[in-house]
Amino acid sequence: MPLTKGAGPKVDQVAAQIIKKYGTATLEKYTKKHFANTEKANRLARL
């Protein structure tokens, strides 16, 4: 799965997809963990 660089809505969406498909541990393995972006992605993944 391609990772979008930077921050913003597209990054949040991709991160949420990774969380849904592979879990938070996988997201943390391949990305920098920034608290605000991770929280946004977790909220999106719950929808």
N, C-alpha and C. Protein backbone atom coordinates (compact mmCIF):
# COMPACT_ATOMS: atom_id res chain seq x y z
N MET A 1 0.85 -1.16 0.00
CA MET A 1 0.00 0.00 0.00
C MET A 1 0.90 1.23 0.00
N PRO A 2 0.72 2.14 -0.94
CA PRO A 2 1.53 3.37 -0.97
C PRO A 2 1.21 4.28 0.22
N LEU A 3 2.24 4.86 0.81
CA LEU A 3 2.06 5.78 1.92
C LEU A 3 2.14 7.21 1.40
N THR A 4 1.20 8.03 1.82
CA THR A 4 1.19 9.44 1.45
C THR A 4 2.08 10.18 2.44
N LYS A 5 2.95 11.05 1.93
CA LYS A 5 3.87 11.80 2.79
C LYS A 5 3.19 13.06 3.30
N GLY A 6 3.70 13.55 4.43
CA GLY A 6 3.23 14.81 4.97
C GLY A 6 2.10 14.65 5.95
N ALA A 7 1.26 15.68 6.00
CA ALA A 7 0.12 15.69 6.91
C ALA A 7 -1.09 16.23 6.16
N GLY A 8 -2.24 15.92 6.65
CA GLY A 8 -3.47 16.42 6.03
C GLY A 8 -4.48 15.32 5.85
N PRO A 9 -5.61 15.65 5.28
CA PRO A 9 -6.71 14.69 5.14
C PRO A 9 -6.35 13.42 4.36
N LYS A 10 -5.56 13.54 3.30
CA LYS A 10 -5.19 12.35 2.52
C LYS A 10 -4.34 11.40 3.36
N VAL A 11 -3.43 11.96 4.12
CA VAL A 11 -2.56 11.15 4.98
C VAL A 11 -3.41 10.45 6.04
N ASP A 12 -4.36 11.19 6.61
CA ASP A 12 -5.24 10.60 7.63
C ASP A 12 -6.05 9.44 7.06
N GLN A 13 -6.54 9.59 5.84
CA GLN A 13 -7.33 8.54 5.20
C GLN A 13 -6.49 7.28 4.95
N VAL A 14 -5.28 7.47 4.44
CA VAL A 14 -4.41 6.32 4.19
C VAL A 14 -4.05 5.63 5.51
N ALA A 15 -3.74 6.42 6.52
CA ALA A 15 -3.42 5.84 7.83
C ALA A 15 -4.61 5.06 8.38
N ALA A 16 -5.81 5.59 8.21
CA ALA A 16 -7.02 4.90 8.69
C ALA A 16 -7.20 3.58 7.95
N GLN A 17 -6.92 3.57 6.65
CA GLN A 17 -7.02 2.32 5.87
C GLN A 17 -6.04 1.28 6.38
N ILE A 18 -4.83 1.73 6.70
CA ILE A 18 -3.82 0.80 7.22
C ILE A 18 -4.28 0.24 8.57
N ILE A 19 -4.81 1.11 9.43
CA ILE A 19 -5.29 0.65 10.74
C ILE A 19 -6.39 -0.38 10.57
N LYS A 20 -7.34 -0.10 9.68
CA LYS A 20 -8.46 -1.03 9.47
C LYS A 20 -7.98 -2.38 8.94
N LYS A 21 -7.04 -2.34 8.01
CA LYS A 21 -6.62 -3.57 7.34
C LYS A 21 -5.56 -4.35 8.13
N TYR A 22 -4.60 -3.62 8.74
CA TYR A 22 -3.45 -4.29 9.35
C TYR A 22 -3.27 -4.03 10.84
N GLY A 23 -3.96 -3.01 11.38
CA GLY A 23 -3.83 -2.68 12.80
C GLY A 23 -2.87 -1.53 13.06
N THR A 24 -3.00 -0.98 14.24
CA THR A 24 -2.19 0.17 14.64
C THR A 24 -0.70 -0.17 14.71
N ALA A 25 -0.38 -1.38 15.14
CA ALA A 25 1.03 -1.77 15.26
C ALA A 25 1.74 -1.68 13.92
N THR A 26 1.06 -2.05 12.84
CA THR A 26 1.67 -1.97 11.51
C THR A 26 1.87 -0.52 11.11
N LEU A 27 0.89 0.33 11.38
CA LEU A 27 1.04 1.75 11.07
C LEU A 27 2.27 2.32 11.77
N GLU A 28 2.43 1.98 13.05
CA GLU A 28 3.56 2.49 13.82
C GLU A 28 4.89 1.93 13.33
N LYS A 29 4.86 0.75 12.74
CA LYS A 29 6.09 0.13 12.25
C LYS A 29 6.65 0.87 11.03
N TYR A 30 5.76 1.42 10.18
CA TYR A 30 6.19 2.00 8.92
C TYR A 30 6.08 3.51 8.83
N THR A 31 5.56 4.15 9.86
CA THR A 31 5.39 5.60 9.81
C THR A 31 5.91 6.24 11.09
N LYS A 32 6.15 7.55 11.01
CA LYS A 32 6.44 8.31 12.22
C LYS A 32 5.13 8.46 12.95
N LYS A 33 5.17 8.30 14.23
CA LYS A 33 3.94 8.42 15.01
C LYS A 33 3.82 9.84 15.55
N HIS A 34 2.92 10.58 14.98
CA HIS A 34 2.62 11.92 15.45
C HIS A 34 1.26 11.85 16.12
N PHE A 35 1.18 12.26 17.36
CA PHE A 35 -0.01 12.07 18.17
C PHE A 35 -1.29 12.56 17.48
N ALA A 36 -1.30 13.79 16.98
CA ALA A 36 -2.52 14.36 16.39
C ALA A 36 -2.95 13.57 15.16
N ASN A 37 -2.02 13.25 14.29
CA ASN A 37 -2.38 12.50 13.07
C ASN A 37 -2.83 11.09 13.40
N THR A 38 -2.20 10.44 14.35
CA THR A 38 -2.58 9.09 14.73
C THR A 38 -3.98 9.08 15.33
N GLU A 39 -4.29 10.06 16.14
CA GLU A 39 -5.63 10.16 16.72
C GLU A 39 -6.68 10.38 15.64
N LYS A 40 -6.40 11.22 14.66
CA LYS A 40 -7.34 11.44 13.55
C LYS A 40 -7.55 10.14 12.79
N ALA A 41 -6.48 9.44 12.50
CA ALA A 41 -6.59 8.19 11.75
C ALA A 41 -7.38 7.15 12.54
N ASN A 42 -7.16 7.07 13.84
CA ASN A 42 -7.92 6.13 14.67
C ASN A 42 -9.41 6.46 14.65
N ARG A 43 -9.75 7.75 14.71
CA ARG A 43 -11.17 8.15 14.64
C ARG A 43 -11.77 7.75 13.30
N LEU A 44 -11.03 8.00 12.22
CA LEU A 44 -11.52 7.65 10.89
C LEU A 44 -11.68 6.14 10.73
N ALA A 45 -10.77 5.38 11.31
CA ALA A 45 -10.81 3.92 11.19
C ALA A 45 -12.03 3.35 11.90
N ARG A 46 -12.51 4.03 12.93
CA ARG A 46 -13.68 3.56 13.67
C ARG A 46 -14.99 3.80 12.93
N LEU A 47 -14.98 4.68 11.94
CA LEU A 47 -16.22 4.99 11.19
C LEU A 47 -16.64 3.86 10.28
